[in-house]
Amino acid sequence: MAKRKQYTKEFKLEAVQLANEPDQSFLQVSKNLGVSDSALHRWARELGTQGSVAFPGHGNTGLTTEQAEIKRLQRELDIARQERDVLKKAVAFCAKER
């Protein structure tokens, strides 16, 4: 099975920049660079929505510090809810035995 091609952030940025030039089309640029037209459109969309944090690479989700803090707090809240549910069940179980 063939391995998927991986492109650097710089390559993606340059490809999108080329495709956005007035005398170039996405289809032309994708053929010239050897990437699929849909990938080039996706890169342009990601760059438009995410800006400077687009194309973070492997293992780096590109979260801002606030987003990372929110994610950490959500995990902490999930754990607290699970612990609460276990304690509720334990109390109900102990009440039955009496």
PDB file of N, CA and C in Angstrom:
ATOM      1  N   MET A   1       0.838  -1.181   0.000  1.00  0.00           N
ATOM      2  CA  MET A   1       0.000   0.000   0.000  1.00  0.00           C
ATOM      3  C   MET A   1       0.887   1.249   0.000  1.00  0.00           C
ATOM      4  N   ALA A   2       0.553   2.191  -0.846  1.00  0.00           N
ATOM      5  CA  ALA A   2       1.359   3.408  -0.979  1.00  0.00           C
ATOM      6  C   ALA A   2       1.165   4.319   0.224  1.00  0.00           C
ATOM      7  N   LYS A   3       2.249   4.956   0.612  1.00  0.00           N
ATOM      8  CA  LYS A   3       2.204   5.881   1.732  1.00  0.00           C
ATOM      9  C   LYS A   3       1.681   7.232   1.239  1.00  0.00           C
ATOM     10  N   ARG A   4       0.849   7.883   2.062  1.00  0.00           N
ATOM     11  CA  ARG A   4       0.315   9.193   1.699  1.00  0.00           C
ATOM     12  C   ARG A   4       1.416  10.239   1.683  1.00  0.00           C
ATOM     13  N   LYS A   5       1.357  11.123   0.710  1.00  0.00           N
ATOM     14  CA  LYS A   5       2.343  12.201   0.641  1.00  0.00           C
ATOM     15  C   LYS A   5       2.070  13.203   1.750  1.00  0.00           C
ATOM     16  N   GLN A   6       3.144  13.714   2.328  1.00  0.00           N
ATOM     17  CA  GLN A   6       3.026  14.740   3.355  1.00  0.00           C
ATOM     18  C   GLN A   6       3.737  15.987   2.855  1.00  0.00           C
ATOM     19  N   TYR A   7       3.075  17.104   2.980  1.00  0.00           N
ATOM     20  CA  TYR A   7       3.622  18.360   2.495  1.00  0.00           C
ATOM     21  C   TYR A   7       3.915  19.280   3.677  1.00  0.00           C
ATOM     22  N   THR A   8       4.963  20.062   3.545  1.00  0.00           N
ATOM     23  CA  THR A   8       5.335  20.991   4.613  1.00  0.00           C
ATOM     24  C   THR A   8       4.380  22.181   4.628  1.00  0.00           C
ATOM     25  N   LYS A   9       4.403  22.873   5.750  1.00  0.00           N
ATOM     26  CA  LYS A   9       3.575  24.066   5.890  1.00  0.00           C
ATOM     27  C   LYS A   9       3.955  25.094   4.826  1.00  0.00           C
ATOM     28  N   GLU A  10       5.250  25.246   4.593  1.00  0.00           N
ATOM     29  CA  GLU A  10       5.729  26.221   3.617  1.00  0.00           C
ATOM     30  C   GLU A  10       5.227  25.890   2.209  1.00  0.00           C
ATOM     31  N   PHE A  11       5.237  24.593   1.866  1.00  0.00           N
ATOM     32  CA  PHE A  11       4.760  24.166   0.554  1.00  0.00           C
ATOM     33  C   PHE A  11       3.281  24.518   0.399  1.00  0.00           C
ATOM     34  N   LYS A  12       2.494  24.221   1.430  1.00  0.00           N
ATOM     35  CA  LYS A  12       1.056  24.494   1.373  1.00  0.00           C
ATOM     36  C   LYS A  12       0.788  25.987   1.249  1.00  0.00           C
ATOM     37  N   LEU A  13       1.516  26.789   2.029  1.00  0.00           N
ATOM     38  CA  LEU A  13       1.331  28.239   1.970  1.00  0.00           C
ATOM     39  C   LEU A  13       1.663  28.782   0.583  1.00  0.00           C
ATOM     40  N   GLU A  14       2.763  28.313   0.027  1.00  0.00           N
ATOM     41  CA  GLU A  14       3.169  28.779  -1.301  1.00  0.00           C
ATOM     42  C   GLU A  14       2.171  28.324  -2.370  1.00  0.00           C
ATOM     43  N   ALA A  15       1.670  27.097  -2.242  1.00  0.00           N
ATOM     44  CA  ALA A  15       0.696  26.588  -3.212  1.00  0.00           C
ATOM     45  C   ALA A  15      -0.576  27.430  -3.188  1.00  0.00           C
ATOM     46  N   VAL A  16      -1.054  27.753  -2.001  1.00  0.00           N
ATOM     47  CA  VAL A  16      -2.268  28.569  -1.882  1.00  0.00           C
ATOM     48  C   VAL A  16      -2.009  29.969  -2.428  1.00  0.00           C
ATOM     49  N   GLN A  17      -0.834  30.500  -2.136  1.00  0.00           N
ATOM     50  CA  GLN A  17      -0.471  31.822  -2.635  1.00  0.00           C
ATOM     51  C   GLN A  17      -0.471  31.840  -4.170  1.00  0.00           C
ATOM     52  N   LEU A  18       0.096  30.803  -4.775  1.00  0.00           N
ATOM     53  CA  LEU A  18       0.111  30.704  -6.240  1.00  0.00           C
ATOM     54  C   LEU A  18      -1.305  30.608  -6.803  1.00  0.00           C
ATOM     55  N   ALA A  19      -2.138  29.804  -6.157  1.00  0.00           N
ATOM     56  CA  ALA A  19      -3.504  29.592  -6.647  1.00  0.00           C
ATOM     57  C   ALA A  19      -4.344  30.862  -6.533  1.00  0.00           C
ATOM     58  N   ASN A  20      -3.996  31.732  -5.609  1.00  0.00           N
ATOM     59  CA  ASN A  20      -4.759  32.968  -5.420  1.00  0.00           C
ATOM     60  C   ASN A  20      -4.311  34.094  -6.349  1.00  0.00           C
ATOM     61  N   GLU A  21      -3.262  33.868  -7.130  1.00  0.00           N
ATOM     62  CA  GLU A  21      -2.821  34.889  -8.079  1.00  0.00           C
ATOM     63  C   GLU A  21      -3.847  35.002  -9.201  1.00  0.00           C
ATOM     64  N   PRO A  22      -4.053  36.221  -9.709  1.00  0.00           N
ATOM     65  CA  PRO A  22      -5.120  36.435 -10.702  1.00  0.00           C
ATOM     66  C   PRO A  22      -4.967  35.633 -11.996  1.00  0.00           C
ATOM     67  N   ASP A  23      -3.742  35.380 -12.429  1.00  0.00           N
ATOM     68  CA  ASP A  23      -3.559  34.677 -13.702  1.00  0.00           C
ATOM     69  C   ASP A  23      -3.466  33.160 -13.544  1.00  0.00           C
ATOM     70  N   GLN A  24      -3.690  32.644 -12.342  1.00  0.00           N
ATOM     71  CA  GLN A  24      -3.602  31.200 -12.076  1.00  0.00           C
ATOM     72  C   GLN A  24      -4.955  30.671 -11.599  1.00  0.00           C
ATOM     73  N   SER A  25      -5.233  29.423 -11.918  1.00  0.00           N
ATOM     74  CA  SER A  25      -6.429  28.771 -11.381  1.00  0.00           C
ATOM     75  C   SER A  25      -5.985  27.659 -10.436  1.00  0.00           C
ATOM     76  N   PHE A  26      -6.882  27.258  -9.563  1.00  0.00           N
ATOM     77  CA  PHE A  26      -6.567  26.182  -8.621  1.00  0.00           C
ATOM     78  C   PHE A  26      -6.217  24.902  -9.378  1.00  0.00           C
ATOM     79  N   LEU A  27      -6.936  24.643 -10.456  1.00  0.00           N
ATOM     80  CA  LEU A  27      -6.692  23.434 -11.240  1.00  0.00           C
ATOM     81  C   LEU A  27      -5.305  23.460 -11.874  1.00  0.00           C
ATOM     82  N   GLN A  28      -4.917  24.600 -12.440  1.00  0.00           N
ATOM     83  CA  GLN A  28      -3.586  24.737 -13.047  1.00  0.00           C
ATOM     84  C   GLN A  28      -2.493  24.510 -12.010  1.00  0.00           C
ATOM     85  N   VAL A  29      -2.614  25.191 -10.881  1.00  0.00           N
ATOM     86  CA  VAL A  29      -1.586  25.102  -9.839  1.00  0.00           C
ATOM     87  C   VAL A  29      -1.498  23.681  -9.308  1.00  0.00           C
ATOM     88  N   SER A  30      -2.650  23.043  -9.087  1.00  0.00           N
ATOM     89  CA  SER A  30      -2.627  21.679  -8.550  1.00  0.00           C
ATOM     90  C   SER A  30      -1.947  20.717  -9.524  1.00  0.00           C
ATOM     91  N   LYS A  31      -2.209  20.870 -10.815  1.00  0.00           N
ATOM     92  CA  LYS A  31      -1.555  20.007 -11.812  1.00  0.00           C
ATOM     93  C   LYS A  31      -0.056  20.267 -11.863  1.00  0.00           C
ATOM     94  N   ASN A  32       0.331  21.537 -11.832  1.00  0.00           N
ATOM     95  CA  ASN A  32       1.753  21.891 -11.892  1.00  0.00           C
ATOM     96  C   ASN A  32       2.521  21.376 -10.678  1.00  0.00           C
ATOM     97  N   LEU A  33       1.883  21.393  -9.517  1.00  0.00           N
ATOM     98  CA  LEU A  33       2.562  20.973  -8.288  1.00  0.00           C
ATOM     99  C   LEU A  33       2.395  19.482  -7.995  1.00  0.00           C
ATOM    100  N   GLY A  34       1.498  18.832  -8.708  1.00  0.00           N
ATOM    101  CA  GLY A  34       1.287  17.403  -8.498  1.00  0.00           C
ATOM    102  C   GLY A  34       0.474  17.083  -7.258  1.00  0.00           C
ATOM    103  N   VAL A  35      -0.439  17.985  -6.904  1.00  0.00           N
ATOM    104  CA  VAL A  35      -1.340  17.732  -5.774  1.00  0.00           C
ATOM    105  C   VAL A  35      -2.766  17.731  -6.300  1.00  0.00           C
ATOM    106  N   SER A  36      -3.661  17.154  -5.538  1.00  0.00           N
ATOM    107  CA  SER A  36      -5.046  17.111  -5.997  1.00  0.00           C
ATOM    108  C   SER A  36      -5.690  18.490  -5.845  1.00  0.00           C
ATOM    109  N   ASP A  37      -6.637  18.743  -6.710  1.00  0.00           N
ATOM    110  CA  ASP A  37      -7.364  20.010  -6.690  1.00  0.00           C
ATOM    111  C   ASP A  37      -8.105  20.175  -5.365  1.00  0.00           C
ATOM    112  N   SER A  38      -8.682  19.078  -4.871  1.00  0.00           N
ATOM    113  CA  SER A  38      -9.437  19.155  -3.613  1.00  0.00           C
ATOM    114  C   SER A  38      -8.523  19.471  -2.430  1.00  0.00           C
ATOM    115  N   ALA A  39      -7.300  18.929  -2.441  1.00  0.00           N
ATOM    116  CA  ALA A  39      -6.353  19.226  -1.361  1.00  0.00           C
ATOM    117  C   ALA A  39      -5.990  20.705  -1.366  1.00  0.00           C
ATOM    118  N   LEU A  40      -5.770  21.249  -2.548  1.00  0.00           N
ATOM    119  CA  LEU A  40      -5.414  22.664  -2.657  1.00  0.00           C
ATOM    120  C   LEU A  40      -6.558  23.553  -2.170  1.00  0.00           C
ATOM    121  N   HIS A  41      -7.791  23.203  -2.531  1.00  0.00           N
ATOM    122  CA  HIS A  41      -8.948  23.962  -2.043  1.00  0.00           C
ATOM    123  C   HIS A  41      -9.071  23.848  -0.524  1.00  0.00           C
ATOM    124  N   ARG A  42      -8.822  22.664   0.021  1.00  0.00           N
ATOM    125  CA  ARG A  42      -8.891  22.470   1.478  1.00  0.00           C
ATOM    126  C   ARG A  42      -7.830  23.314   2.182  1.00  0.00           C
ATOM    127  N   TRP A  43      -6.625  23.340   1.627  1.00  0.00           N
ATOM    128  CA  TRP A  43      -5.550  24.149   2.217  1.00  0.00           C
ATOM    129  C   TRP A  43      -5.936  25.627   2.220  1.00  0.00           C
ATOM    130  N   ALA A  44      -6.527  26.093   1.127  1.00  0.00           N
ATOM    131  CA  ALA A  44      -6.939  27.502   1.040  1.00  0.00           C
ATOM    132  C   ALA A  44      -8.023  27.800   2.073  1.00  0.00           C
ATOM    133  N   ARG A  45      -8.963  26.874   2.231  1.00  0.00           N
ATOM    134  CA  ARG A  45     -10.044  27.056   3.204  1.00  0.00           C
ATOM    135  C   ARG A  45      -9.485  27.081   4.627  1.00  0.00           C
ATOM    136  N   GLU A  46      -8.563  26.148   4.931  1.00  0.00           N
ATOM    137  CA  GLU A  46      -7.950  26.104   6.260  1.00  0.00           C
ATOM    138  C   GLU A  46      -7.183  27.384   6.551  1.00  0.00           C
ATOM    139  N   LEU A  47      -6.449  27.859   5.574  1.00  0.00           N
ATOM    140  CA  LEU A  47      -5.681  29.087   5.757  1.00  0.00           C
ATOM    141  C   LEU A  47      -6.616  30.269   5.984  1.00  0.00           C
ATOM    142  N   GLY A  48      -7.731  30.285   5.273  1.00  0.00           N
ATOM    143  CA  GLY A  48      -8.697  31.370   5.428  1.00  0.00           C
ATOM    144  C   GLY A  48      -9.375  31.373   6.785  1.00  0.00           C
ATOM    145  N   THR A  49      -9.676  30.194   7.309  1.00  0.00           N
ATOM    146  CA  THR A  49     -10.385  30.129   8.588  1.00  0.00           C
ATOM    147  C   THR A  49      -9.456  30.148   9.791  1.00  0.00           C
ATOM    148  N   GLN A  50      -8.282  29.515   9.676  1.00  0.00           N
ATOM    149  CA  GLN A  50      -7.398  29.384  10.828  1.00  0.00           C
ATOM    150  C   GLN A  50      -6.246  30.373  10.830  1.00  0.00           C
ATOM    151  N   GLY A  51      -5.973  30.975   9.712  1.00  0.00           N
ATOM    152  CA  GLY A  51      -4.903  31.968   9.643  1.00  0.00           C
ATOM    153  C   GLY A  51      -3.536  31.399   9.970  1.00  0.00           C
ATOM    154  N   SER A  52      -2.838  32.032  10.891  1.00  0.00           N
ATOM    155  CA  SER A  52      -1.442  31.669  11.178  1.00  0.00           C
ATOM    156  C   SER A  52      -1.286  30.308  11.846  1.00  0.00           C
ATOM    157  N   VAL A  53      -2.355  29.752  12.423  1.00  0.00           N
ATOM    158  CA  VAL A  53      -2.235  28.435  13.064  1.00  0.00           C
ATOM    159  C   VAL A  53      -2.623  27.298  12.126  1.00  0.00           C
ATOM    160  N   ALA A  54      -2.869  27.612  10.861  1.00  0.00           N
ATOM    161  CA  ALA A  54      -3.191  26.570   9.881  1.00  0.00           C
ATOM    162  C   ALA A  54      -1.969  25.694   9.644  1.00  0.00           C
ATOM    163  N   PHE A  55      -2.201  24.454   9.313  1.00  0.00           N
ATOM    164  CA  PHE A  55      -1.162  23.473   8.999  1.00  0.00           C
ATOM    165  C   PHE A  55      -0.185  23.273  10.161  1.00  0.00           C
ATOM    166  N   PRO A  56      -0.659  22.827  11.318  1.00  0.00           N
ATOM    167  CA  PRO A  56       0.220  22.707  12.485  1.00  0.00           C
ATOM    168  C   PRO A  56       1.216  21.561  12.418  1.00  0.00           C
ATOM    169  N   GLY A  57       0.958  20.527  11.643  1.00  0.00           N
ATOM    170  CA  GLY A  57       1.865  19.382  11.596  1.00  0.00           C
ATOM    171  C   GLY A  57       1.405  18.293  12.542  1.00  0.00           C
ATOM    172  N   HIS A  58       2.192  17.233  12.646  1.00  0.00           N
ATOM    173  CA  HIS A  58       1.823  16.070  13.447  1.00  0.00           C
ATOM    174  C   HIS A  58       1.899  16.363  14.939  1.00  0.00           C
ATOM    175  N   GLY A  59       0.860  15.962  15.650  1.00  0.00           N
ATOM    176  CA  GLY A  59       0.866  16.063  17.100  1.00  0.00           C
ATOM    177  C   GLY A  59       0.639  17.457  17.633  1.00  0.00           C
ATOM    178  N   ASN A  60       0.653  18.439  16.803  1.00  0.00           N
ATOM    179  CA  ASN A  60       0.460  19.812  17.243  1.00  0.00           C
ATOM    180  C   ASN A  60      -0.892  20.263  16.726  1.00  0.00           C
ATOM    181  N   THR A  61      -1.839  20.442  17.609  1.00  0.00           N
ATOM    182  CA  THR A  61      -3.182  20.788  17.183  1.00  0.00           C
ATOM    183  C   THR A  61      -3.334  22.263  16.881  1.00  0.00           C
ATOM    184  N   GLY A  62      -2.324  23.048  17.177  1.00  0.00           N
ATOM    185  CA  GLY A  62      -2.395  24.467  16.877  1.00  0.00           C
ATOM    186  C   GLY A  62      -3.348  25.227  17.771  1.00  0.00           C
ATOM    187  N   LEU A  63      -3.575  24.734  18.982  1.00  0.00           N
ATOM    188  CA  LEU A  63      -4.483  25.403  19.897  1.00  0.00           C
ATOM    189  C   LEU A  63      -3.816  26.626  20.511  1.00  0.00           C
ATOM    190  N   THR A  64      -4.614  27.655  20.706  1.00  0.00           N
ATOM    191  CA  THR A  64      -4.107  28.807  21.438  1.00  0.00           C
ATOM    192  C   THR A  64      -4.048  28.429  22.912  1.00  0.00           C
ATOM    193  N   THR A  65      -3.423  29.251  23.721  1.00  0.00           N
ATOM    194  CA  THR A  65      -3.324  28.928  25.150  1.00  0.00           C
ATOM    195  C   THR A  65      -4.701  28.872  25.791  1.00  0.00           C
ATOM    196  N   GLU A  66      -5.606  29.747  25.348  1.00  0.00           N
ATOM    197  CA  GLU A  66      -6.965  29.735  25.900  1.00  0.00           C
ATOM    198  C   GLU A  66      -7.697  28.446  25.520  1.00  0.00           C
ATOM    199  N   GLN A  67      -7.540  28.028  24.268  1.00  0.00           N
ATOM    200  CA  GLN A  67      -8.192  26.801  23.819  1.00  0.00           C
ATOM    201  C   GLN A  67      -7.631  25.586  24.549  1.00  0.00           C
ATOM    202  N   ALA A  68      -6.326  25.574  24.776  1.00  0.00           N
ATOM    203  CA  ALA A  68      -5.705  24.465  25.501  1.00  0.00           C
ATOM    204  C   ALA A  68      -6.215  24.423  26.935  1.00  0.00           C
ATOM    205  N   GLU A  69      -6.371  25.584  27.553  1.00  0.00           N
ATOM    206  CA  GLU A  69      -6.889  25.657  28.925  1.00  0.00           C
ATOM    207  C   GLU A  69      -8.334  25.164  28.975  1.00  0.00           C
ATOM    208  N   ILE A  70      -9.137  25.547  28.006  1.00  0.00           N
ATOM    209  CA  ILE A  70     -10.530  25.087  27.944  1.00  0.00           C
ATOM    210  C   ILE A  70     -10.573  23.573  27.800  1.00  0.00           C
ATOM    211  N   LYS A  71      -9.732  23.031  26.939  1.00  0.00           N
ATOM    212  CA  LYS A  71      -9.683  21.579  26.739  1.00  0.00           C
ATOM    213  C   LYS A  71      -9.288  20.863  28.028  1.00  0.00           C
ATOM    214  N   ARG A  72      -8.284  21.406  28.737  1.00  0.00           N
ATOM    215  CA  ARG A  72      -7.835  20.810  29.998  1.00  0.00           C
ATOM    216  C   ARG A  72      -8.959  20.848  31.033  1.00  0.00           C
ATOM    217  N   LEU A  73      -9.653  21.971  31.124  1.00  0.00           N
ATOM    218  CA  LEU A  73     -10.744  22.104  32.087  1.00  0.00           C
ATOM    219  C   LEU A  73     -11.915  21.182  31.745  1.00  0.00           C
ATOM    220  N   GLN A  74     -12.174  20.985  30.460  1.00  0.00           N
ATOM    221  CA  GLN A  74     -13.241  20.066  30.058  1.00  0.00           C
ATOM    222  C   GLN A  74     -12.902  18.634  30.461  1.00  0.00           C
ATOM    223  N   ARG A  75     -11.635  18.237  30.288  1.00  0.00           N
ATOM    224  CA  ARG A  75     -11.209  16.897  30.721  1.00  0.00           C
ATOM    225  C   ARG A  75     -11.369  16.751  32.227  1.00  0.00           C
ATOM    226  N   GLU A  76     -10.956  17.795  32.955  1.00  0.00           N
ATOM    227  CA  GLU A  76     -11.066  17.782  34.414  1.00  0.00           C
ATOM    228  C   GLU A  76     -12.531  17.668  34.842  1.00  0.00           C
ATOM    229  N   LEU A  77     -13.412  18.385  34.169  1.00  0.00           N
ATOM    230  CA  LEU A  77     -14.840  18.331  34.472  1.00  0.00           C
ATOM    231  C   LEU A  77     -15.407  16.941  34.187  1.00  0.00           C
ATOM    232  N   ASP A  78     -14.999  16.326  33.093  1.00  0.00           N
ATOM    233  CA  ASP A  78     -15.450  14.969  32.768  1.00  0.00           C
ATOM    234  C   ASP A  78     -15.050  13.987  33.862  1.00  0.00           C
ATOM    235  N   ILE A  79     -13.821  14.108  34.351  1.00  0.00           N
ATOM    236  CA  ILE A  79     -13.347  13.220  35.419  1.00  0.00           C
ATOM    237  C   ILE A  79     -14.165  13.444  36.682  1.00  0.00           C
ATOM    238  N   ALA A  80     -14.424  14.703  37.026  1.00  0.00           N
ATOM    239  CA  ALA A  80     -15.209  15.015  38.225  1.00  0.00           C
ATOM    240  C   ALA A  80     -16.624  14.448  38.107  1.00  0.00           C
ATOM    241  N   ARG A  81     -17.210  14.531  36.929  1.00  0.00           N
ATOM    242  CA  ARG A  81     -18.556  13.979  36.725  1.00  0.00           C
ATOM    243  C   ARG A  81     -18.555  12.460  36.882  1.00  0.00           C
ATOM    244  N   GLN A  82     -17.524  11.800  36.342  1.00  0.00           N
ATOM    245  CA  GLN A  82     -17.433  10.345  36.480  1.00  0.00           C
ATOM    246  C   GLN A  82     -17.290   9.953  37.951  1.00  0.00           C
ATOM    247  N   GLU A  83     -16.456  10.685  38.683  1.00  0.00           N
ATOM    248  CA  GLU A  83     -16.280  10.405  40.113  1.00  0.00           C
ATOM    249  C   GLU A  83     -17.589  10.609  40.861  1.00  0.00           C
ATOM    250  N   ARG A  84     -18.321  11.669  40.534  1.00  0.00           N
ATOM    251  CA  ARG A  84     -19.613  11.936  41.160  1.00  0.00           C
ATOM    252  C   ARG A  84     -20.586  10.788  40.907  1.00  0.00           C
ATOM    253  N   ASP A  85     -20.626  10.305  39.671  1.00  0.00           N
ATOM    254  CA  ASP A  85     -21.536   9.213  39.332  1.00  0.00           C
ATOM    255  C   ASP A  85     -21.196   7.942  40.106  1.00  0.00           C
ATOM    256  N   VAL A  86     -19.906   7.657  40.265  1.00  0.00           N
ATOM    257  CA  VAL A  86     -19.482   6.481  41.032  1.00  0.00           C
ATOM    258  C   VAL A  86     -19.920   6.627  42.485  1.00  0.00           C
ATOM    259  N   LEU A  87     -19.736   7.811  43.047  1.00  0.00           N
ATOM    260  CA  LEU A  87     -20.132   8.037  44.440  1.00  0.00           C
ATOM    261  C   LEU A  87     -21.644   7.914  44.613  1.00  0.00           C
ATOM    262  N   LYS A  88     -22.426   8.414  43.673  1.00  0.00           N
ATOM    263  CA  LYS A  88     -23.886   8.284  43.740  1.00  0.00           C
ATOM    264  C   LYS A  88     -24.292   6.814  43.759  1.00  0.00           C
ATOM    265  N   LYS A  89     -23.651   6.024  42.903  1.00  0.00           N
ATOM    266  CA  LYS A  89     -23.968   4.597  42.847  1.00  0.00           C
ATOM    267  C   LYS A  89     -23.561   3.899  44.136  1.00  0.00           C
ATOM    268  N   ALA A  90     -22.428   4.294  44.701  1.00  0.00           N
ATOM    269  CA  ALA A  90     -21.966   3.687  45.950  1.00  0.00           C
ATOM    270  C   ALA A  90     -22.924   4.009  47.087  1.00  0.00           C
ATOM    271  N   VAL A  91     -23.405   5.234  47.160  1.00  0.00           N
ATOM    272  CA  VAL A  91     -24.356   5.631  48.201  1.00  0.00           C
ATOM    273  C   VAL A  91     -25.653   4.848  48.038  1.00  0.00           C
ATOM    274  N   ALA A  92     -26.131   4.711  46.814  1.00  0.00           N
ATOM    275  CA  ALA A  92     -27.365   3.964  46.565  1.00  0.00           C
ATOM    276  C   ALA A  92     -27.185   2.498  46.940  1.00  0.00           C
ATOM    277  N   PHE A  93     -26.033   1.933  46.639  1.00  0.00           N
ATOM    278  CA  PHE A  93     -25.753   0.538  46.961  1.00  0.00           C
ATOM    279  C   PHE A  93     -25.709   0.335  48.476  1.00  0.00           C
ATOM    280  N   CYS A  94     -25.039   1.236  49.184  1.00  0.00           N
ATOM    281  CA  CYS A  94     -24.941   1.137  50.644  1.00  0.00           C
ATOM    282  C   CYS A  94     -26.308   1.316  51.297  1.00  0.00           C
ATOM    283  N   ALA A  95     -27.147   2.169  50.740  1.00  0.00           N
ATOM    284  CA  ALA A  95     -28.479   2.400  51.298  1.00  0.00           C
ATOM    285  C   ALA A  95     -29.351   1.160  51.141  1.00  0.00           C
ATOM    286  N   LYS A  96     -29.167   0.399  50.076  1.00  0.00           N
ATOM    287  CA  LYS A  96     -29.936  -0.823  49.850  1.00  0.00           C
ATOM    288  C   LYS A  96     -29.600  -1.884  50.885  1.00  0.00           C
ATOM    289  N   GLU A  97     -28.329  -1.970  51.258  1.00  0.00           N
ATOM    290  CA  GLU A  97     -27.880  -3.014  52.175  1.00  0.00           C
ATOM    291  C   GLU A  97     -28.395  -2.804  53.591  1.00  0.00           C
ATOM    292  N   ARG A  98     -28.793  -1.634  53.962  1.00  0.00           N
ATOM    293  CA  ARG A  98     -29.253  -1.363  55.327  1.00  0.00           C
ATOM    294  C   ARG A  98     -30.625  -1.802  55.533  1.00  0.00           C
TER     295      ARG A  98
END
